Amino acid sequence: MGKLADIITRFEPPLKRKRALSAQQCKVFGSVKACRTSRLGASVQTVCACGNEIVAYNSCRDRHCPQCQGRATRKWVAAQSERLLPTRYHHCVFTLPDTLDELVRYNEAAIYDLLFAASSGTLKSFFASDRRFGG
């Protein structure tokens, strides 16, 4: 796979035909596509010894951009890893049906609060009633 900008460039048009993107999503897509390109400007440095010019394109600095935030992300993951307890972890995924996409877009905080409350309740109920987990 290529850079994220290449993926966005390829799949953004069909995605937009399928569903409306929020203003925030459009902003992030635009930032990532423009990152380290002439669209954001550049600085030019001349190498004294040979006179060659080096062009350094400006970054978007968007928190979602892997080119800009890759180092910060790795640092954050390392810090979080140090906080993990010495036990096995299991990854659980709770999803919403795509029929709720539009509702989520306009009420994101409320819908995700409800999703986390329902997920938490489901897990607590499951583990409390299953003897394998000490319930």
Protein backbone atom coordinates (compact mmCIF):
# COMPACT_ATOMS: atom_id res chain seq x y z
CA MET A 1 0.00 0.00 0.00
CA GLY A 2 1.08 3.54 -0.64
CA LYS A 3 1.02 6.61 1.50
CA LEU A 4 -2.22 7.56 3.18
CA ALA A 5 -2.53 10.52 0.81
CA ASP A 6 -2.52 8.12 -2.16
CA ILE A 7 -5.24 6.02 -0.56
CA ILE A 8 -7.38 9.08 0.17
CA THR A 9 -6.91 10.38 -3.37
CA ARG A 10 -8.02 7.04 -4.80
CA PHE A 11 -10.97 6.30 -2.52
CA GLU A 12 -12.32 9.72 -1.49
CA PRO A 13 -14.43 10.30 -4.65
CA PRO A 14 -16.34 6.99 -4.44
CA LEU A 15 -16.70 7.44 -0.68
CA LYS A 16 -18.22 10.90 -1.19
CA ARG A 17 -20.64 9.45 -3.76
CA LYS A 18 -21.72 6.82 -1.24
CA ARG A 19 -22.13 9.10 1.80
CA ALA A 20 -21.71 12.67 2.90
CA LEU A 21 -18.51 13.42 4.78
CA SER A 22 -18.45 15.77 7.75
CA ALA A 23 -16.61 19.07 7.53
CA GLN A 24 -13.96 17.64 9.89
CA GLN A 25 -13.44 14.57 7.70
CA CYS A 26 -13.07 16.76 4.59
CA LYS A 27 -10.57 18.99 6.41
CA VAL A 28 -8.44 16.01 7.51
CA PHE A 29 -8.52 14.47 4.02
CA GLY A 30 -7.44 17.79 2.52
CA SER A 31 -4.64 18.25 5.04
CA VAL A 32 -3.23 14.76 4.58
CA LYS A 33 -3.37 15.01 0.77
CA ALA A 34 -1.58 18.39 0.85
CA CYS A 35 1.05 17.35 3.40
CA ARG A 36 4.63 17.82 2.21
CA THR A 37 3.53 18.99 -1.22
CA SER A 38 3.87 22.33 -2.98
CA ARG A 39 0.29 23.18 -1.93
CA LEU A 40 1.54 23.98 1.59
CA GLY A 41 4.65 25.80 0.45
CA ALA A 42 8.28 24.95 0.95
CA SER A 43 11.64 26.20 2.06
CA VAL A 44 14.68 26.03 -0.17
CA GLN A 45 18.19 25.59 1.15
CA THR A 46 21.35 25.88 -0.89
CA VAL A 47 24.23 23.54 -0.16
CA CYS A 48 27.31 25.77 0.13
CA ALA A 49 29.84 23.26 -1.21
CA CYS A 50 28.11 22.43 -4.48
CA GLY A 51 25.36 24.99 -4.87
CA ASN A 52 22.60 22.38 -5.13
CA GLU A 53 19.24 23.36 -3.75
CA ILE A 54 17.25 21.18 -1.38
CA VAL A 55 13.50 21.74 -1.32
CA ALA A 56 11.72 20.88 1.95
CA TYR A 57 7.93 20.93 1.61
CA ASN A 58 5.90 22.06 4.61
CA SER A 59 3.89 19.57 6.61
CA CYS A 60 0.19 19.83 7.47
CA ARG A 61 0.72 19.15 11.21
CA ASP A 62 -2.69 17.48 11.39
CA ARG A 63 -2.94 15.08 14.32
CA HIS A 64 -4.36 12.40 12.00
CA CYS A 65 -1.45 12.55 9.55
CA PRO A 66 1.00 9.66 9.87
CA GLN A 67 3.80 11.68 8.24
CA CYS A 68 3.46 14.48 10.79
CA GLN A 69 2.47 12.58 13.88
CA GLY A 70 4.19 9.21 13.42
CA ARG A 71 6.94 9.92 15.96
CA ALA A 72 4.47 11.36 18.49
CA THR A 73 2.21 8.32 18.03
CA ARG A 74 5.06 5.87 18.62
CA LYS A 75 6.11 7.82 21.73
CA TRP A 76 2.51 7.78 23.06
CA VAL A 77 2.14 4.03 22.40
CA ALA A 78 5.42 3.33 24.21
CA ALA A 79 4.28 5.39 27.22
CA GLN A 80 0.92 3.59 27.33
CA SER A 81 2.62 0.20 27.01
CA GLU A 82 4.59 0.91 30.16
CA ARG A 83 1.29 1.35 32.04
CA LEU A 84 -0.10 -2.08 31.07
CA LEU A 85 -0.57 -4.64 33.78
CA PRO A 86 1.34 -7.94 33.42
CA THR A 87 -1.66 -9.92 32.22
CA ARG A 88 -3.28 -11.11 29.00
CA TYR A 89 -5.48 -8.63 27.20
CA HIS A 90 -8.32 -9.30 24.79
CA HIS A 91 -9.45 -6.87 22.14
CA CYS A 92 -13.23 -6.45 21.93
CA VAL A 93 -14.92 -4.54 19.14
CA PHE A 94 -18.42 -3.14 19.40
CA THR A 95 -19.85 -1.70 16.20
CA LEU A 96 -22.89 0.30 15.22
CA PRO A 97 -24.95 -0.56 12.14
CA ASP A 98 -24.25 1.72 9.18
CA THR A 99 -27.89 2.80 9.23
CA LEU A 100 -26.94 4.97 12.23
CA ASP A 101 -24.09 6.77 10.41
CA GLU A 102 -26.03 9.97 9.82
CA LEU A 103 -27.29 10.07 13.40
CA VAL A 104 -23.74 9.56 14.69
CA ARG A 105 -22.44 12.36 12.48
CA TYR A 106 -24.79 14.88 14.10
CA ASN A 107 -24.73 13.52 17.67
CA GLU A 108 -21.29 11.94 17.90
CA ALA A 109 -20.60 12.49 21.61
CA ALA A 110 -24.04 11.33 22.75
CA ILE A 111 -24.09 8.25 20.52
CA TYR A 112 -20.58 7.17 21.50
CA ASP A 113 -21.38 7.71 25.18
CA LEU A 114 -24.35 5.37 24.73
CA LEU A 115 -22.23 2.84 22.83
CA PHE A 116 -19.58 2.76 25.56
CA ALA A 117 -22.20 2.49 28.31
CA ALA A 118 -23.92 -0.40 26.50
CA SER A 119 -20.58 -2.10 25.76
CA SER A 120 -19.45 -1.76 29.36
CA GLY A 121 -22.76 -3.10 30.65
CA THR A 122 -22.61 -6.05 28.27
CA LEU A 123 -19.07 -6.99 29.31
CA LYS A 124 -19.80 -6.59 33.02
CA SER A 125 -22.90 -8.74 32.70
CA PHE A 126 -21.07 -11.38 30.70
CA PHE A 127 -18.13 -11.63 33.08
CA ALA A 128 -20.29 -11.55 36.20
CA SER A 129 -22.34 -14.53 35.01
CA ASP A 130 -19.49 -16.67 33.68
CA ARG A 131 -17.67 -18.77 36.27
CA ARG A 132 -14.55 -19.00 34.11
CA PHE A 133 -14.00 -15.33 34.82
CA GLY A 134 -14.69 -15.46 38.53
CA GLY A 135 -18.31 -14.32 38.28
